[in-house]
C-alpha atoms as a PDB file:
ATOM      1  CA  UNK A   1     -69.186 109.589 -41.631  1.00  0.00           C
ATOM      2  CA  UNK A   2     -72.000 111.832 -42.924  1.00  0.00           C
ATOM      3  CA  UNK A   3     -71.508 115.474 -43.640  1.00  0.00           C
ATOM      4  CA  UNK A   4     -72.081 117.427 -40.469  1.00  0.00           C
ATOM      5  CA  UNK A   5     -74.583 120.255 -40.690  1.00  0.00           C
ATOM      6  CA  UNK A   6     -73.142 123.756 -40.953  1.00  0.00           C
ATOM      7  CA  UNK A   7     -72.417 125.175 -37.517  1.00  0.00           C
ATOM      8  CA  UNK A   8     -75.476 127.438 -37.068  1.00  0.00           C
ATOM      9  CA  UNK A   9     -79.113 127.659 -38.164  1.00  0.00           C
ATOM     10  CA  UNK A  10     -81.743 130.395 -37.820  1.00  0.00           C
ATOM     11  CA  UNK A  11     -85.469 129.774 -37.887  1.00  0.00           C
ATOM     12  CA  UNK A  12     -88.355 132.193 -38.283  1.00  0.00           C
ATOM     13  CA  UNK A  13     -91.164 130.157 -36.825  1.00  0.00           C
ATOM     14  CA  UNK A  14     -91.067 126.854 -38.719  1.00  0.00           C
ATOM     15  CA  UNK A  15     -89.111 128.295 -41.684  1.00  0.00           C
ATOM     16  CA  UNK A  16     -85.355 127.844 -41.950  1.00  0.00           C
ATOM     17  CA  UNK A  17     -83.916 131.300 -42.645  1.00  0.00           C
ATOM     18  CA  UNK A  18     -80.249 130.445 -42.936  1.00  0.00           C
ATOM     19  CA  UNK A  19     -77.738 127.774 -42.194  1.00  0.00           C
ATOM     20  CA  UNK A  20     -73.989 128.375 -42.073  1.00  0.00           C
ATOM     21  CA  UNK A  21     -71.499 130.469 -40.151  1.00  0.00           C
ATOM     22  CA  UNK A  22     -72.789 132.602 -37.286  1.00  0.00           C
ATOM     23  CA  UNK A  23     -72.298 136.049 -38.903  1.00  0.00           C
ATOM     24  CA  UNK A  24     -74.276 135.035 -42.031  1.00  0.00           C
ATOM     25  CA  UNK A  25     -77.010 133.358 -39.976  1.00  0.00           C
ATOM     26  CA  UNK A  26     -77.271 136.265 -37.528  1.00  0.00           C
ATOM     27  CA  UNK A  27     -77.651 138.789 -40.355  1.00  0.00           C
ATOM     28  CA  UNK A  28     -80.493 136.786 -41.908  1.00  0.00           C
ATOM     29  CA  UNK A  29     -82.182 136.574 -38.505  1.00  0.00           C
ATOM     30  CA  UNK A  30     -81.774 140.334 -38.052  1.00  0.00           C
ATOM     31  CA  UNK A  31     -83.375 140.940 -41.461  1.00  0.00           C
ATOM     32  CA  UNK A  32     -86.412 138.928 -40.357  1.00  0.00           C
ATOM     33  CA  UNK A  33     -86.650 140.848 -37.098  1.00  0.00           C
ATOM     34  CA  UNK A  34     -86.198 144.206 -38.838  1.00  0.00           C
ATOM     35  CA  UNK A  35     -89.056 143.505 -41.227  1.00  0.00           C
ATOM     36  CA  UNK A  36     -91.286 142.881 -38.190  1.00  0.00           C
ATOM     37  CA  UNK A  37     -91.614 139.113 -38.195  1.00  0.00           C
ATOM     38  CA  UNK A  38     -94.480 137.987 -36.006  1.00  0.00           C
ATOM     39  CA  UNK A  39     -92.979 134.501 -35.648  1.00  0.00           C
ATOM     40  CA  UNK A  40     -90.201 133.870 -33.143  1.00  0.00           C
ATOM     41  CA  UNK A  41     -86.718 134.094 -34.627  1.00  0.00           C
ATOM     42  CA  UNK A  42     -84.299 131.601 -33.080  1.00  0.00           C
ATOM     43  CA  UNK A  43     -80.633 130.890 -33.754  1.00  0.00           C
ATOM     44  CA  UNK A  44     -79.239 127.429 -32.953  1.00  0.00           C
ATOM     45  CA  UNK A  45     -75.739 126.039 -32.572  1.00  0.00           C
ATOM     46  CA  UNK A  46     -76.038 122.843 -34.631  1.00  0.00           C
ATOM     47  CA  UNK A  47     -73.334 121.040 -32.651  1.00  0.00           C
ATOM     48  CA  UNK A  48     -75.411 121.201 -29.447  1.00  0.00           C
ATOM     49  CA  UNK A  49     -78.812 122.599 -30.529  1.00  0.00           C
ATOM     50  CA  UNK A  50     -78.429 125.200 -27.799  1.00  0.00           C
ATOM     51  CA  UNK A  51     -80.028 128.500 -28.687  1.00  0.00           C
ATOM     52  CA  UNK A  52     -77.502 131.222 -29.386  1.00  0.00           C
ATOM     53  CA  UNK A  53     -78.172 134.602 -27.834  1.00  0.00           C
ATOM     54  CA  UNK A  54     -77.473 137.318 -30.380  1.00  0.00           C
ATOM     55  CA  UNK A  55     -77.774 141.012 -29.589  1.00  0.00           C
ATOM     56  CA  UNK A  56     -79.666 142.297 -32.633  1.00  0.00           C
ATOM     57  CA  UNK A  57     -79.715 145.968 -31.594  1.00  0.00           C
ATOM     58  CA  UNK A  58     -78.429 148.575 -33.979  1.00  0.00           C
ATOM     59  CA  UNK A  59     -77.232 148.245 -37.546  1.00  0.00           C
ATOM     60  CA  UNK A  60     -75.982 144.982 -39.106  1.00  0.00           C
ATOM     61  CA  UNK A  61     -72.391 146.117 -38.577  1.00  0.00           C
ATOM     62  CA  UNK A  62     -73.086 146.535 -34.857  1.00  0.00           C
ATOM     63  CA  UNK A  63     -74.421 142.980 -34.653  1.00  0.00           C
ATOM     64  CA  UNK A  64     -71.371 141.597 -36.467  1.00  0.00           C
ATOM     65  CA  UNK A  65     -69.012 143.585 -34.268  1.00  0.00           C
ATOM     66  CA  UNK A  66     -70.533 142.075 -31.123  1.00  0.00           C
ATOM     67  CA  UNK A  67     -70.179 138.570 -32.607  1.00  0.00           C
ATOM     68  CA  UNK A  68     -66.472 138.984 -33.340  1.00  0.00           C
ATOM     69  CA  UNK A  69     -64.197 137.069 -30.954  1.00  0.00           C
ATOM     70  CA  UNK A  70     -62.144 139.208 -28.591  1.00  0.00           C
ATOM     71  CA  UNK A  71     -58.617 139.934 -29.821  1.00  0.00           C
ATOM     72  CA  UNK A  72     -55.908 137.537 -28.647  1.00  0.00           C
ATOM     73  CA  UNK A  73     -53.825 138.850 -25.852  1.00  0.00           C
ATOM     74  CA  UNK A  74     -50.064 138.598 -26.036  1.00  0.00           C
ATOM     75  CA  UNK A  75     -48.355 136.019 -23.893  1.00  0.00           C
ATOM     76  CA  UNK A  76     -48.457 132.330 -23.320  1.00  0.00           C
ATOM     77  CA  UNK A  77     -51.803 130.645 -23.990  1.00  0.00           C
ATOM     78  CA  UNK A  78     -53.475 128.768 -21.164  1.00  0.00           C
ATOM     79  CA  UNK A  79     -52.859 125.039 -21.137  1.00  0.00           C
ATOM     80  CA  UNK A  80     -56.475 124.251 -20.377  1.00  0.00           C
ATOM     81  CA  UNK A  81     -55.822 122.449 -17.093  1.00  0.00           C
ATOM     82  CA  UNK A  82     -58.812 122.703 -14.783  1.00  0.00           C
ATOM     83  CA  UNK A  83     -58.749 121.839 -11.088  1.00  0.00           C
ATOM     84  CA  UNK A  84     -61.901 120.138  -9.802  1.00  0.00           C
ATOM     85  CA  UNK A  85     -62.823 118.114  -6.758  1.00  0.00           C
ATOM     86  CA  UNK A  86     -62.959 114.329  -7.027  1.00  0.00           C
ATOM     87  CA  UNK A  87     -64.495 112.187  -4.311  1.00  0.00           C
ATOM     88  CA  UNK A  88     -63.206 108.628  -4.055  1.00  0.00           C
ATOM     89  CA  UNK A  89     -63.118 105.877  -1.486  1.00  0.00           C
ATOM     90  CA  UNK A  90     -59.883 105.471   0.512  1.00  0.00           C
ATOM     91  CA  UNK A  91     -58.950 102.294  -1.402  1.00  0.00           C
ATOM     92  CA  UNK A  92     -59.205 104.246  -4.672  1.00  0.00           C
ATOM     93  CA  UNK A  93     -56.894 106.984  -3.354  1.00  0.00           C
ATOM     94  CA  UNK A  94     -54.429 104.313  -2.179  1.00  0.00           C
ATOM     95  CA  UNK A  95     -54.411 102.697  -5.605  1.00  0.00           C
ATOM     96  CA  UNK A  96     -53.974 106.066  -7.359  1.00  0.00           C
ATOM     97  CA  UNK A  97     -51.098 107.003  -5.053  1.00  0.00           C
ATOM     98  CA  UNK A  98     -49.224 103.838  -6.082  1.00  0.00           C
ATOM     99  CA  UNK A  99     -49.471 104.589  -9.799  1.00  0.00           C
ATOM    100  CA  UNK A 100     -46.486 105.997 -11.697  1.00  0.00           C
ATOM    101  CA  UNK A 101     -46.870 109.755 -11.977  1.00  0.00           C
ATOM    102  CA  UNK A 102     -49.402 109.939  -9.162  1.00  0.00           C
ATOM    103  CA  UNK A 103     -53.143 110.396  -9.056  1.00  0.00           C
ATOM    104  CA  UNK A 104     -53.441 113.046 -11.781  1.00  0.00           C
ATOM    105  CA  UNK A 105     -51.535 111.051 -14.389  1.00  0.00           C
ATOM    106  CA  UNK A 106     -53.434 107.850 -13.537  1.00  0.00           C
ATOM    107  CA  UNK A 107     -56.800 109.618 -13.736  1.00  0.00           C
ATOM    108  CA  UNK A 108     -55.930 111.208 -17.093  1.00  0.00           C
ATOM    109  CA  UNK A 109     -54.939 107.779 -18.462  1.00  0.00           C
ATOM    110  CA  UNK A 110     -58.174 106.209 -17.184  1.00  0.00           C
ATOM    111  CA  UNK A 111     -60.258 108.981 -18.727  1.00  0.00           C
ATOM    112  CA  UNK A 112     -58.487 108.716 -22.087  1.00  0.00           C
ATOM    113  CA  UNK A 113     -58.937 104.933 -22.139  1.00  0.00           C
ATOM    114  CA  UNK A 114     -62.657 105.304 -21.326  1.00  0.00           C
ATOM    115  CA  UNK A 115     -63.022 107.929 -24.062  1.00  0.00           C
ATOM    116  CA  UNK A 116     -61.432 105.570 -26.604  1.00  0.00           C
ATOM    117  CA  UNK A 117     -63.412 102.496 -25.622  1.00  0.00           C
ATOM    118  CA  UNK A 118     -66.792 104.278 -25.412  1.00  0.00           C
ATOM    119  CA  UNK A 119     -66.394 106.788 -28.234  1.00  0.00           C
ATOM    120  CA  UNK A 120     -69.143 105.297 -30.447  1.00  0.00           C
ATOM    121  CA  UNK A 121     -71.652 105.140 -27.618  1.00  0.00           C
ATOM    122  CA  UNK A 122     -70.740 108.648 -26.508  1.00  0.00           C
ATOM    123  CA  UNK A 123     -71.071 110.014 -30.058  1.00  0.00           C
ATOM    124  CA  UNK A 124     -74.501 108.415 -30.438  1.00  0.00           C
ATOM    125  CA  UNK A 125     -75.716 109.731 -27.072  1.00  0.00           C
ATOM    126  CA  UNK A 126     -74.441 113.235 -27.820  1.00  0.00           C
ATOM    127  CA  UNK A 127     -76.051 113.209 -31.282  1.00  0.00           C
ATOM    128  CA  UNK A 128     -79.356 112.015 -29.815  1.00  0.00           C
ATOM    129  CA  UNK A 129     -79.278 114.742 -27.166  1.00  0.00           C
ATOM    130  CA  UNK A 130     -78.489 117.392 -29.790  1.00  0.00           C
ATOM    131  CA  UNK A 131     -81.338 116.299 -32.038  1.00  0.00           C
ATOM    132  CA  UNK A 132     -83.731 115.972 -29.087  1.00  0.00           C
ATOM    133  CA  UNK A 133     -82.895 119.480 -27.841  1.00  0.00           C
ATOM    134  CA  UNK A 134     -83.772 120.978 -31.229  1.00  0.00           C
ATOM    135  CA  UNK A 135     -86.940 118.873 -31.522  1.00  0.00           C
ATOM    136  CA  UNK A 136     -88.071 119.808 -28.029  1.00  0.00           C
ATOM    137  CA  UNK A 137     -87.703 123.515 -28.766  1.00  0.00           C
ATOM    138  CA  UNK A 138     -89.197 123.522 -32.251  1.00  0.00           C
ATOM    139  CA  UNK A 139     -91.632 120.578 -32.239  1.00  0.00           C
ATOM    140  CA  UNK A 140     -92.315 119.746 -28.593  1.00  0.00           C
ATOM    141  CA  UNK A 141     -96.006 120.555 -29.022  1.00  0.00           C
ATOM    142  CA  UNK A 142     -96.379 119.004 -32.486  1.00  0.00           C
ATOM    143  CA  UNK A 143     -98.251 115.772 -33.211  1.00  0.00           C
ATOM    144  CA  UNK A 144     -95.956 112.769 -33.213  1.00  0.00           C
ATOM    145  CA  UNK A 145     -93.268 114.407 -31.077  1.00  0.00           C
ATOM    146  CA  UNK A 146     -93.203 111.689 -28.410  1.00  0.00           C
ATOM    147  CA  UNK A 147     -93.186 108.921 -31.002  1.00  0.00           C
ATOM    148  CA  UNK A 148     -90.369 110.658 -32.887  1.00  0.00           C
ATOM    149  CA  UNK A 149     -88.345 110.878 -29.671  1.00  0.00           C
ATOM    150  CA  UNK A 150     -88.879 107.166 -29.047  1.00  0.00           C
ATOM    151  CA  UNK A 151     -87.776 106.380 -32.610  1.00  0.00           C
ATOM    152  CA  UNK A 152     -84.715 108.620 -32.228  1.00  0.00           C
ATOM    153  CA  UNK A 153     -83.553 106.851 -29.066  1.00  0.00           C
ATOM    154  CA  UNK A 154     -84.416 103.423 -30.496  1.00  0.00           C
ATOM    155  CA  UNK A 155     -82.362 104.306 -33.603  1.00  0.00           C
ATOM    156  CA  UNK A 156     -85.387 103.590 -35.815  1.00  0.00           C
ATOM    157  CA  UNK A 157     -84.437 105.840 -38.715  1.00  0.00           C
ATOM    158  CA  UNK A 158     -87.410 105.130 -40.991  1.00  0.00           C
ATOM    159  CA  UNK A 159     -90.001 105.771 -38.288  1.00  0.00           C
ATOM    160  CA  UNK A 160     -88.172 108.873 -37.060  1.00  0.00           C
ATOM    161  CA  UNK A 161     -87.923 110.412 -40.534  1.00  0.00           C
ATOM    162  CA  UNK A 162     -91.565 109.643 -41.332  1.00  0.00           C
ATOM    163  CA  UNK A 163     -92.747 111.328 -38.138  1.00  0.00           C
ATOM    164  CA  UNK A 164     -90.355 114.288 -38.307  1.00  0.00           C
ATOM    165  CA  UNK A 165     -91.097 115.100 -41.949  1.00  0.00           C
ATOM    166  CA  UNK A 166     -94.790 115.471 -41.049  1.00  0.00           C
ATOM    167  CA  UNK A 167     -93.948 118.606 -39.050  1.00  0.00           C
ATOM    168  CA  UNK A 168     -94.556 121.935 -40.768  1.00  0.00           C
ATOM    169  CA  UNK A 169     -92.006 124.082 -42.507  1.00  0.00           C
ATOM    170  CA  UNK A 170     -88.372 123.094 -42.303  1.00  0.00           C
ATOM    171  CA  UNK A 171     -88.466 121.709 -38.756  1.00  0.00           C
ATOM    172  CA  UNK A 172     -88.584 118.046 -39.753  1.00  0.00           C
ATOM    173  CA  UNK A 173     -85.912 118.363 -42.421  1.00  0.00           C
ATOM    174  CA  UNK A 174     -83.552 120.042 -39.971  1.00  0.00           C
ATOM    175  CA  UNK A 175     -84.274 117.391 -37.315  1.00  0.00           C
ATOM    176  CA  UNK A 176     -83.459 114.709 -39.911  1.00  0.00           C
ATOM    177  CA  UNK A 177     -80.243 116.547 -40.804  1.00  0.00           C
ATOM    178  CA  UNK A 178     -79.217 116.600 -37.132  1.00  0.00           C
ATOM    179  CA  UNK A 179     -80.160 112.918 -36.742  1.00  0.00           C
ATOM    180  CA  UNK A 180     -77.663 111.871 -39.427  1.00  0.00           C
ATOM    181  CA  UNK A 181     -75.003 111.801 -36.691  1.00  0.00           C
ATOM    182  CA  UNK A 182     -77.198 109.360 -34.720  1.00  0.00           C
ATOM    183  CA  UNK A 183     -77.562 106.973 -37.640  1.00  0.00           C
ATOM    184  CA  UNK A 184     -73.828 107.190 -38.348  1.00  0.00           C
ATOM    185  CA  UNK A 185     -73.016 106.197 -34.752  1.00  0.00           C
ATOM    186  CA  UNK A 186     -75.421 103.240 -34.672  1.00  0.00           C
ATOM    187  CA  UNK A 187     -73.643  99.974 -35.531  1.00  0.00           C
ATOM    188  CA  UNK A 188     -74.907  98.241 -38.679  1.00  0.00           C
ATOM    189  CA  UNK A 189     -77.026  95.192 -37.960  1.00  0.00           C
END
């Protein structure tokens, strides 16, 4: 499995400012903003390519303080069980009711089995979506974007890397770094 990119990245326009843990990346982004950067400064979560909202007001210590996780409260941690609505046909409910442990246990087993049997496909899809999200934000108006997206989803590594590396600054290199998870999840031919 390839090395995963560090968890966060900050860009000033097409230039990669920092890559690493959120406090380090946020401080580098704040430096760019404080010196009056005319280019947009964006921070990305590299696991999802979602933009991270950082409150850059005040001094660097203020920024870091707002990024700190809230203190743990005493007591028993939540188990993480979430109640949601599920809509099934009557025959599905009848089958679930006959299963040992009831509907909840049967559904959890079915979900776990599906996760195991489709893990490679799911990893590839998630990696493609992550890379696409970054590309759309940073290179959506760049030449070759549509062709790069097609190559990404077709798992055509050579074509993708050729097209992405033609983009200015560090955009293409970062897209290629994110795409490593796609190539890792694609079965060898």
